[in-house]
Amino acid sequence: MTIKLLGSGALLIALAFGPLACSESDSLTASGSTSGTASMLSLEVYRSPTCGCCNKWINHLEDNSFEVARHNQSNLSVFKAEQGIASRYQSCHTAVSSDGYVFEGHIPAKLIQQFLRDKPAGSIGLAVPDMPAGSPGMEMGQRFDPYAVLLLKANGSNEVYAQITRPQEQH
């Protein structure tokens, strides 16, 4: 059930006509969204079976409301090329959404969620090339290397989607 708050006038109308017919799982929260179990986002993650940081990144996704299907790939570079990910944008794993968007490397879950809520026109997904220290799945104690999350465009170009300069910006 979706309810849009229109101001105090809408509240008066609702009070005048009685309570809204909401189930317990649809109760309105302070943010205007519904509480209860939201549908989880799902990703297919393709990785090397021996990569530990891939597992840590998948755990980060699962801790942030993603349902993840894991796929071991013997030739990831061919798979990445088939997905339109140029070698200069590649990292150690690739996630694919149900609608075909790609998420390459150690991208914070919150940025994937943001992307999927508001998909930029002409894009194929996001990438964090290489494996920056301190990014999700690449935690190394106190070490943190600032990094850019790139918006990958269908024409092969990119632009900076987000700049992560501190560990706290990833959560």
N, C-alpha and C. Protein backbone atom coordinates (compact mmCIF):
# COMPACT_ATOMS: atom_id res chain seq x y z
N MET A 1 0.84 -1.18 0.00
CA MET A 1 0.00 0.00 0.00
C MET A 1 0.88 1.23 0.00
N THR A 2 0.59 2.21 -0.87
CA THR A 2 1.35 3.45 -0.93
C THR A 2 0.45 4.57 -0.46
N ILE A 3 0.98 5.37 0.47
CA ILE A 3 0.24 6.52 0.99
C ILE A 3 1.12 7.74 0.81
N LYS A 4 0.60 8.77 0.17
CA LYS A 4 1.33 10.02 0.04
C LYS A 4 0.76 11.00 1.03
N LEU A 5 1.65 11.60 1.81
CA LEU A 5 1.21 12.59 2.78
C LEU A 5 1.08 13.94 2.07
N LEU A 6 -0.08 14.53 2.13
CA LEU A 6 -0.36 15.76 1.41
C LEU A 6 -0.42 16.97 2.32
N GLY A 7 -0.12 16.84 3.57
CA GLY A 7 -0.17 17.96 4.49
C GLY A 7 -1.25 17.76 5.54
N SER A 8 -1.43 18.77 6.39
CA SER A 8 -2.36 18.65 7.51
C SER A 8 -3.81 18.50 7.05
N GLY A 9 -4.16 19.01 5.87
CA GLY A 9 -5.53 18.86 5.37
C GLY A 9 -5.87 17.40 5.12
N ALA A 10 -4.91 16.65 4.60
CA ALA A 10 -5.14 15.23 4.35
C ALA A 10 -5.33 14.48 5.66
N LEU A 11 -4.59 14.88 6.69
CA LEU A 11 -4.73 14.25 7.99
C LEU A 11 -6.12 14.50 8.55
N LEU A 12 -6.63 15.71 8.39
CA LEU A 12 -7.98 16.02 8.87
C LEU A 12 -9.02 15.20 8.13
N ILE A 13 -8.84 15.03 6.82
CA ILE A 13 -9.79 14.22 6.06
C ILE A 13 -9.74 12.77 6.54
N ALA A 14 -8.54 12.26 6.76
CA ALA A 14 -8.40 10.88 7.22
C ALA A 14 -9.04 10.71 8.59
N LEU A 15 -8.87 11.68 9.46
CA LEU A 15 -9.47 11.59 10.79
C LEU A 15 -11.00 11.67 10.70
N ALA A 16 -11.49 12.48 9.78
CA ALA A 16 -12.94 12.63 9.64
C ALA A 16 -13.60 11.35 9.12
N PHE A 17 -12.92 10.61 8.27
CA PHE A 17 -13.49 9.41 7.67
C PHE A 17 -13.06 8.13 8.37
N GLY A 18 -12.34 8.22 9.45
CA GLY A 18 -11.94 7.03 10.20
C GLY A 18 -10.55 6.58 9.83
N PRO A 19 -10.09 5.53 10.46
CA PRO A 19 -8.72 5.07 10.24
C PRO A 19 -8.53 4.50 8.84
N LEU A 20 -7.31 4.61 8.37
CA LEU A 20 -6.97 4.05 7.08
C LEU A 20 -6.94 2.54 7.18
N ALA A 21 -7.29 1.88 6.13
CA ALA A 21 -7.27 0.41 6.12
C ALA A 21 -5.87 -0.07 5.76
N CYS A 22 -5.05 -0.24 6.77
CA CYS A 22 -3.68 -0.72 6.57
C CYS A 22 -3.52 -2.01 7.33
N SER A 23 -2.77 -2.89 6.75
CA SER A 23 -2.41 -4.08 7.50
C SER A 23 -1.26 -3.71 8.42
N GLU A 24 -0.97 -4.58 9.38
CA GLU A 24 0.12 -4.31 10.31
C GLU A 24 1.42 -4.11 9.58
N SER A 25 1.67 -4.85 8.52
CA SER A 25 2.94 -4.74 7.80
C SER A 25 3.00 -3.49 6.94
N ASP A 26 1.87 -2.79 6.75
CA ASP A 26 1.86 -1.58 5.95
C ASP A 26 1.79 -0.32 6.80
N SER A 27 2.05 -0.40 8.08
CA SER A 27 1.92 0.79 8.93
C SER A 27 2.89 1.87 8.49
N LEU A 28 2.44 3.10 8.53
CA LEU A 28 3.21 4.23 8.05
C LEU A 28 4.31 4.58 9.03
N THR A 29 5.52 4.83 8.51
CA THR A 29 6.63 5.27 9.35
C THR A 29 6.78 6.77 9.24
N ALA A 30 7.64 7.34 10.06
CA ALA A 30 7.84 8.78 10.07
C ALA A 30 8.37 9.29 8.73
N SER A 31 9.05 8.46 7.98
CA SER A 31 9.60 8.91 6.70
C SER A 31 8.56 8.90 5.59
N GLY A 32 7.37 8.40 5.87
CA GLY A 32 6.34 8.35 4.86
C GLY A 32 6.36 7.05 4.07
N SER A 33 7.25 6.15 4.43
CA SER A 33 7.27 4.86 3.76
C SER A 33 6.56 3.85 4.65
N THR A 34 6.38 2.66 4.13
CA THR A 34 5.73 1.66 4.94
C THR A 34 6.75 0.80 5.63
N SER A 35 6.42 0.35 6.82
CA SER A 35 7.32 -0.54 7.54
C SER A 35 6.96 -1.97 7.20
N GLY A 36 7.62 -2.89 7.82
CA GLY A 36 7.38 -4.29 7.51
C GLY A 36 8.45 -4.77 6.58
N THR A 37 8.28 -5.92 6.03
CA THR A 37 9.29 -6.50 5.17
C THR A 37 9.18 -5.92 3.78
N ALA A 38 10.18 -5.14 3.41
CA ALA A 38 10.22 -4.59 2.06
C ALA A 38 10.79 -5.67 1.15
N SER A 39 10.43 -5.62 -0.12
CA SER A 39 10.99 -6.62 -1.01
C SER A 39 12.48 -6.38 -1.13
N MET A 40 13.24 -7.45 -1.01
CA MET A 40 14.69 -7.33 -1.07
C MET A 40 15.11 -7.15 -2.51
N LEU A 41 16.19 -6.41 -2.68
CA LEU A 41 16.79 -6.29 -4.00
C LEU A 41 17.63 -7.53 -4.23
N SER A 42 17.67 -8.01 -5.44
CA SER A 42 18.47 -9.20 -5.70
C SER A 42 19.52 -8.92 -6.76
N LEU A 43 20.66 -9.54 -6.57
CA LEU A 43 21.77 -9.43 -7.51
C LEU A 43 22.35 -10.81 -7.76
N GLU A 44 22.81 -11.02 -8.96
CA GLU A 44 23.57 -12.21 -9.34
C GLU A 44 25.03 -11.78 -9.31
N VAL A 45 25.86 -12.42 -8.48
CA VAL A 45 27.26 -12.04 -8.37
C VAL A 45 28.12 -13.13 -8.99
N TYR A 46 28.96 -12.70 -9.92
CA TYR A 46 29.89 -13.59 -10.62
C TYR A 46 31.29 -13.30 -10.11
N ARG A 47 31.99 -14.36 -9.67
CA ARG A 47 33.27 -14.20 -9.00
C ARG A 47 34.13 -15.44 -9.16
N SER A 48 35.37 -15.29 -8.76
CA SER A 48 36.27 -16.44 -8.68
C SER A 48 35.95 -17.20 -7.40
N PRO A 49 35.94 -18.52 -7.43
CA PRO A 49 35.60 -19.28 -6.22
C PRO A 49 36.62 -19.15 -5.10
N THR A 50 37.82 -18.67 -5.41
CA THR A 50 38.87 -18.58 -4.40
C THR A 50 39.06 -17.18 -3.84
N CYS A 51 38.24 -16.24 -4.22
CA CYS A 51 38.44 -14.84 -3.82
C CYS A 51 37.74 -14.53 -2.50
N GLY A 52 38.51 -14.26 -1.46
CA GLY A 52 37.95 -13.93 -0.14
C GLY A 52 37.30 -12.57 -0.09
N CYS A 53 37.84 -11.57 -0.78
CA CYS A 53 37.24 -10.24 -0.71
C CYS A 53 35.88 -10.22 -1.39
N CYS A 54 35.67 -11.08 -2.39
CA CYS A 54 34.35 -11.18 -3.03
C CYS A 54 33.31 -11.64 -2.01
N ASN A 55 33.68 -12.63 -1.20
CA ASN A 55 32.77 -13.11 -0.16
C ASN A 55 32.46 -12.01 0.84
N LYS A 56 33.47 -11.22 1.22
CA LYS A 56 33.24 -10.12 2.17
C LYS A 56 32.31 -9.07 1.57
N TRP A 57 32.48 -8.77 0.27
CA TRP A 57 31.60 -7.80 -0.38
C TRP A 57 30.17 -8.33 -0.46
N ILE A 58 30.01 -9.61 -0.75
CA ILE A 58 28.68 -10.22 -0.77
C ILE A 58 28.05 -10.13 0.62
N ASN A 59 28.82 -10.37 1.67
CA ASN A 59 28.30 -10.22 3.04
C ASN A 59 27.84 -8.79 3.28
N HIS A 60 28.59 -7.81 2.77
CA HIS A 60 28.20 -6.39 2.89
C HIS A 60 26.85 -6.17 2.21
N LEU A 61 26.66 -6.75 1.03
CA LEU A 61 25.38 -6.61 0.33
C LEU A 61 24.25 -7.23 1.14
N GLU A 62 24.47 -8.46 1.63
CA GLU A 62 23.44 -9.16 2.39
C GLU A 62 23.11 -8.43 3.69
N ASP A 63 24.09 -7.79 4.30
CA ASP A 63 23.85 -7.00 5.51
C ASP A 63 23.07 -5.73 5.22
N ASN A 64 22.95 -5.38 3.93
CA ASN A 64 22.26 -4.17 3.51
C ASN A 64 21.07 -4.47 2.60
N SER A 65 20.34 -5.54 2.94
CA SER A 65 19.04 -5.86 2.32
C SER A 65 19.10 -6.36 0.88
N PHE A 66 20.21 -6.94 0.48
CA PHE A 66 20.27 -7.57 -0.84
C PHE A 66 20.17 -9.08 -0.69
N GLU A 67 19.49 -9.69 -1.62
CA GLU A 67 19.50 -11.14 -1.75
C GLU A 67 20.49 -11.44 -2.88
N VAL A 68 21.46 -12.30 -2.60
CA VAL A 68 22.56 -12.51 -3.54
C VAL A 68 22.63 -13.97 -3.97
N ALA A 69 22.69 -14.18 -5.27
CA ALA A 69 22.96 -15.50 -5.83
C ALA A 69 24.42 -15.47 -6.29
N ARG A 70 25.21 -16.43 -5.82
CA ARG A 70 26.64 -16.49 -6.11
C ARG A 70 26.90 -17.44 -7.27
N HIS A 71 27.74 -16.98 -8.20
CA HIS A 71 28.10 -17.81 -9.36
C HIS A 71 29.61 -17.78 -9.51
N ASN A 72 30.23 -18.94 -9.49
CA ASN A 72 31.66 -19.05 -9.73
C ASN A 72 31.89 -19.07 -11.23
N GLN A 73 32.81 -18.25 -11.69
CA GLN A 73 33.13 -18.16 -13.11
C GLN A 73 34.59 -18.51 -13.30
N SER A 74 34.88 -19.33 -14.30
CA SER A 74 36.27 -19.68 -14.57
C SER A 74 36.95 -18.62 -15.43
N ASN A 75 36.20 -17.91 -16.26
CA ASN A 75 36.79 -16.89 -17.12
C ASN A 75 36.02 -15.59 -16.97
N LEU A 76 36.31 -14.87 -15.90
CA LEU A 76 35.58 -13.64 -15.60
C LEU A 76 35.79 -12.54 -16.63
N SER A 77 36.98 -12.45 -17.21
CA SER A 77 37.23 -11.36 -18.15
C SER A 77 36.33 -11.46 -19.38
N VAL A 78 36.07 -12.66 -19.85
CA VAL A 78 35.15 -12.84 -20.98
C VAL A 78 33.73 -12.44 -20.57
N PHE A 79 33.30 -12.88 -19.38
CA PHE A 79 31.97 -12.53 -18.88
C PHE A 79 31.83 -11.01 -18.76
N LYS A 80 32.84 -10.35 -18.19
CA LYS A 80 32.78 -8.90 -18.01
C LYS A 80 32.68 -8.19 -19.36
N ALA A 81 33.45 -8.64 -20.34
CA ALA A 81 33.39 -8.05 -21.68
C ALA A 81 32.00 -8.23 -22.29
N GLU A 82 31.40 -9.39 -22.08
CA GLU A 82 30.04 -9.64 -22.59
C GLU A 82 29.03 -8.70 -21.94
N GLN A 83 29.31 -8.27 -20.72
CA GLN A 83 28.41 -7.35 -20.01
C GLN A 83 28.67 -5.88 -20.38
N GLY A 84 29.68 -5.63 -21.20
CA GLY A 84 30.00 -4.26 -21.62
C GLY A 84 30.94 -3.54 -20.69
N ILE A 85 31.65 -4.28 -19.82
CA ILE A 85 32.57 -3.65 -18.87
C ILE A 85 33.97 -3.69 -19.46
N ALA A 86 34.47 -2.52 -19.87
CA ALA A 86 35.81 -2.43 -20.44
C ALA A 86 36.85 -2.80 -19.39
N SER A 87 38.00 -3.29 -19.84
CA SER A 87 39.03 -3.77 -18.91
C SER A 87 39.49 -2.68 -17.94
N ARG A 88 39.47 -1.43 -18.34
CA ARG A 88 39.94 -0.34 -17.46
C ARG A 88 38.99 -0.11 -16.26
N TYR A 89 37.78 -0.66 -16.31
CA TYR A 89 36.81 -0.51 -15.22
C TYR A 89 36.69 -1.76 -14.35
N GLN A 90 37.43 -2.80 -14.68
CA GLN A 90 37.22 -4.09 -14.03
C GLN A 90 37.86 -4.19 -12.65
N SER A 91 37.27 -5.07 -11.86
CA SER A 91 37.74 -5.42 -10.53
C SER A 91 37.64 -6.94 -10.42
N CYS A 92 37.40 -7.45 -9.22
CA CYS A 92 37.43 -8.91 -9.04
C CYS A 92 36.07 -9.59 -9.15
N HIS A 93 34.98 -8.88 -9.09
CA HIS A 93 33.66 -9.51 -9.19
C HIS A 93 32.69 -8.57 -9.91
N THR A 94 31.63 -9.17 -10.44
CA THR A 94 30.61 -8.43 -11.17
C THR A 94 29.25 -8.87 -10.67
N ALA A 95 28.40 -7.90 -10.35
CA ALA A 95 27.02 -8.19 -9.98
C ALA A 95 26.11 -7.69 -11.11
N VAL A 96 25.03 -8.42 -11.32
CA VAL A 96 24.07 -8.05 -12.36
C VAL A 96 22.68 -8.05 -11.72
N SER A 97 21.95 -6.95 -11.93
CA SER A 97 20.59 -6.85 -11.40
C SER A 97 19.62 -7.58 -12.31
N SER A 98 18.41 -7.79 -11.83
CA SER A 98 17.41 -8.50 -12.62
C SER A 98 17.05 -7.77 -13.90
N ASP A 99 17.27 -6.45 -13.93
CA ASP A 99 16.98 -5.70 -15.15
C ASP A 99 18.24 -5.43 -15.98
N GLY A 100 19.34 -6.16 -15.69
CA GLY A 100 20.52 -6.14 -16.54
C GLY A 100 21.59 -5.10 -16.25
N TYR A 101 21.45 -4.32 -15.19
CA TYR A 101 22.49 -3.35 -14.85
C TYR A 101 23.64 -4.07 -14.18
N VAL A 102 24.87 -3.58 -14.41
CA VAL A 102 26.07 -4.21 -13.86
C VAL A 102 26.67 -3.36 -12.75
N PHE A 103 27.26 -4.05 -11.78
CA PHE A 103 27.91 -3.39 -10.65
C PHE A 103 29.25 -4.09 -10.47
N GLU A 104 30.30 -3.40 -10.88
CA GLU A 104 31.63 -3.98 -10.95
C GLU A 104 32.48 -3.53 -9.77
N GLY A 105 32.97 -4.48 -9.01
CA GLY A 105 33.91 -4.18 -7.94
C GLY A 105 33.25 -3.84 -6.61
N HIS A 106 34.03 -3.21 -5.76
CA HIS A 106 33.68 -3.00 -4.35
C HIS A 106 32.84 -1.74 -4.14
N ILE A 107 31.66 -1.72 -4.71
CA ILE A 107 30.73 -0.58 -4.63
C ILE A 107 29.95 -0.68 -3.33
N PRO A 108 29.82 0.41 -2.58
CA PRO A 108 28.97 0.39 -1.38
C PRO A 108 27.52 0.07 -1.75
N ALA A 109 26.89 -0.78 -0.94
CA ALA A 109 25.51 -1.19 -1.18
C ALA A 109 24.57 0.00 -1.30
N LYS A 110 24.80 1.03 -0.49
CA LYS A 110 23.89 2.19 -0.53
C LYS A 110 23.90 2.87 -1.89
N LEU A 111 25.04 2.84 -2.59
CA LEU A 111 25.09 3.46 -3.91
C LEU A 111 24.41 2.59 -4.97
N ILE A 112 24.47 1.28 -4.81
CA ILE A 112 23.73 0.40 -5.71
C ILE A 112 22.23 0.61 -5.52
N GLN A 113 21.80 0.71 -4.27
CA GLN A 113 20.39 0.96 -3.98
C GLN A 113 19.95 2.29 -4.59
N GLN A 114 20.77 3.33 -4.43
CA GLN A 114 20.47 4.65 -4.99
C GLN A 114 20.36 4.57 -6.51
N PHE A 115 21.31 3.90 -7.15
CA PHE A 115 21.30 3.74 -8.60
C PHE A 115 20.02 3.04 -9.06
N LEU A 116 19.66 1.94 -8.39
CA LEU A 116 18.48 1.17 -8.80
C LEU A 116 17.18 1.94 -8.57
N ARG A 117 17.16 2.86 -7.61
CA ARG A 117 15.97 3.71 -7.40
C ARG A 117 15.82 4.75 -8.50
N ASP A 118 16.95 5.25 -9.00
CA ASP A 118 16.93 6.34 -9.98
C ASP A 118 18.00 6.05 -11.04
N LYS A 119 17.65 5.20 -11.99
CA LYS A 119 18.61 4.73 -13.00
C LYS A 119 18.93 5.85 -13.99
N PRO A 120 20.18 6.27 -14.05
CA PRO A 120 20.55 7.32 -15.00
C PRO A 120 20.38 6.85 -16.45
N ALA A 121 19.79 7.69 -17.25
CA ALA A 121 19.57 7.36 -18.67
C ALA A 121 20.91 7.12 -19.36
N GLY A 122 20.94 6.14 -20.23
CA GLY A 122 22.13 5.86 -21.02
C GLY A 122 23.24 5.14 -20.26
N SER A 123 22.92 4.63 -19.07
CA SER A 123 23.94 3.96 -18.27
C SER A 123 23.76 2.45 -18.30
N ILE A 124 24.87 1.74 -18.00
CA ILE A 124 24.79 0.29 -17.88
C ILE A 124 25.04 -0.15 -16.44
N GLY A 125 25.52 0.76 -15.59
CA GLY A 125 25.77 0.42 -14.19
C GLY A 125 26.87 1.26 -13.56
N LEU A 126 27.46 0.71 -12.51
CA LEU A 126 28.49 1.39 -11.73
C LEU A 126 29.73 0.52 -11.65
N ALA A 127 30.87 1.16 -11.40
CA ALA A 127 32.12 0.41 -11.23
C ALA A 127 33.05 1.10 -10.25
N VAL A 128 33.76 0.28 -9.49
CA VAL A 128 34.91 0.72 -8.69
C VAL A 128 36.08 -0.11 -9.22
N PRO A 129 36.85 0.48 -10.15
CA PRO A 129 37.97 -0.27 -10.71
C PRO A 129 39.00 -0.64 -9.63
N ASP A 130 39.73 -1.69 -9.91
CA ASP A 130 40.77 -2.18 -9.00
C ASP A 130 40.13 -2.63 -7.69
N MET A 131 40.84 -2.48 -6.59
CA MET A 131 40.36 -2.97 -5.29
C MET A 131 40.84 -2.00 -4.20
N PRO A 132 40.19 -0.84 -4.06
CA PRO A 132 40.68 0.16 -3.11
C PRO A 132 40.64 -0.33 -1.66
N ALA A 133 41.73 -0.11 -0.95
CA ALA A 133 41.80 -0.49 0.47
C ALA A 133 40.75 0.27 1.25
N GLY A 134 40.00 -0.45 2.08
CA GLY A 134 38.99 0.16 2.93
C GLY A 134 37.60 0.19 2.32
N SER A 135 37.49 -0.15 1.03
CA SER A 135 36.15 -0.22 0.41
C SER A 135 35.44 -1.46 0.93
N PRO A 136 34.12 -1.56 0.79
CA PRO A 136 33.40 -2.73 1.30
C PRO A 136 33.99 -4.04 0.75
N GLY A 137 34.39 -4.91 1.66
CA GLY A 137 35.01 -6.16 1.29
C GLY A 137 36.53 -6.10 1.26
N MET A 138 37.07 -4.91 1.27
CA MET A 138 38.53 -4.71 1.23
C MET A 138 39.02 -4.02 2.50
N GLU A 139 38.35 -4.26 3.61
CA GLU A 139 38.74 -3.64 4.87
C GLU A 139 40.13 -4.13 5.27
N MET A 140 40.97 -3.18 5.69
CA MET A 140 42.35 -3.48 6.08
C MET A 140 42.69 -2.67 7.33
N GLY A 141 42.02 -2.99 8.43
CA GLY A 141 42.26 -2.24 9.66
C GLY A 141 41.88 -0.78 9.48
N GLN A 142 42.78 0.11 9.80
CA GLN A 142 42.52 1.55 9.69
C GLN A 142 42.85 2.12 8.30
N ARG A 143 43.43 1.31 7.43
CA ARG A 143 43.82 1.81 6.10
C ARG A 143 42.58 2.09 5.26
N PHE A 144 42.58 3.26 4.63
CA PHE A 144 41.50 3.63 3.73
C PHE A 144 42.07 4.49 2.62
N ASP A 145 41.84 4.10 1.39
CA ASP A 145 42.24 4.87 0.22
C ASP A 145 40.98 5.45 -0.42
N PRO A 146 40.87 6.78 -0.51
CA PRO A 146 39.71 7.38 -1.18
C PRO A 146 39.59 6.83 -2.61
N TYR A 147 38.34 6.75 -3.09
CA TYR A 147 38.12 6.20 -4.43
C TYR A 147 36.86 6.80 -5.05
N ALA A 148 36.79 6.64 -6.37
CA ALA A 148 35.62 7.11 -7.11
C ALA A 148 34.77 5.91 -7.52
N VAL A 149 33.46 6.09 -7.47
CA VAL A 149 32.51 5.13 -8.03
C VAL A 149 32.10 5.73 -9.37
N LEU A 150 32.34 4.97 -10.42
CA LEU A 150 32.10 5.47 -11.77
C LEU A 150 30.75 5.03 -12.31
N LEU A 151 30.09 5.93 -13.01
CA LEU A 151 28.87 5.62 -13.76
C LEU A 151 29.32 5.16 -15.14
N LEU A 152 29.01 3.92 -15.48
CA LEU A 152 29.37 3.38 -16.79
C LEU A 152 28.25 3.67 -17.77
N LYS A 153 28.62 4.23 -18.91
CA LYS A 153 27.63 4.59 -19.92
C LYS A 153 27.63 3.60 -21.06
N ALA A 154 26.51 3.47 -21.71
CA ALA A 154 26.35 2.51 -22.80
C ALA A 154 27.30 2.80 -23.96
N ASN A 155 27.73 4.04 -24.11
CA ASN A 155 28.65 4.38 -25.21
C ASN A 155 30.11 4.09 -24.87
N GLY A 156 30.37 3.49 -23.69
CA GLY A 156 31.73 3.14 -23.29
C GLY A 156 32.44 4.18 -22.44
N SER A 157 31.84 5.34 -22.29
CA SER A 157 32.45 6.38 -21.46
C SER A 157 32.02 6.21 -20.00
N ASN A 158 32.52 7.09 -19.16
CA ASN A 158 32.15 7.07 -17.75
C ASN A 158 32.16 8.49 -17.21
N GLU A 159 31.58 8.63 -16.04
CA GLU A 159 31.69 9.86 -15.26
C GLU A 159 31.66 9.46 -13.79
N VAL A 160 32.12 10.35 -12.93
CA VAL A 160 32.12 10.05 -11.51
C VAL A 160 30.69 10.10 -11.00
N TYR A 161 30.24 9.01 -10.43
CA TYR A 161 28.90 8.92 -9.82
C TYR A 161 28.96 9.36 -8.36
N ALA A 162 30.02 8.96 -7.67
CA ALA A 162 30.22 9.36 -6.27
C ALA A 162 31.71 9.31 -5.96
N GLN A 163 32.14 10.22 -5.11
CA GLN A 163 33.52 10.23 -4.63
C GLN A 163 33.49 9.84 -3.16
N ILE A 164 34.17 8.77 -2.80
CA ILE A 164 34.21 8.30 -1.41
C ILE A 164 35.55 8.74 -0.83
N THR A 165 35.49 9.69 0.11
CA THR A 165 36.73 10.24 0.67
C THR A 165 36.98 9.79 2.11
N ARG A 166 35.95 9.24 2.75
CA ARG A 166 36.06 8.76 4.15
C ARG A 166 35.28 7.45 4.29
N PRO A 167 35.72 6.56 5.17
CA PRO A 167 35.01 5.28 5.34
C PRO A 167 33.53 5.46 5.69
N GLN A 168 33.19 6.48 6.45
CA GLN A 168 31.81 6.69 6.89
C GLN A 168 30.86 6.96 5.72
N GLU A 169 31.37 7.41 4.59
CA GLU A 169 30.54 7.71 3.44
C GLU A 169 30.03 6.45 2.74
N GLN A 170 30.52 5.30 3.16
CA GLN A 170 30.13 4.04 2.51
C GLN A 170 28.88 3.43 3.15
N HIS A 171 28.43 3.97 4.26
CA HIS A 171 27.32 3.35 4.99
C HIS A 171 26.09 4.23 4.97
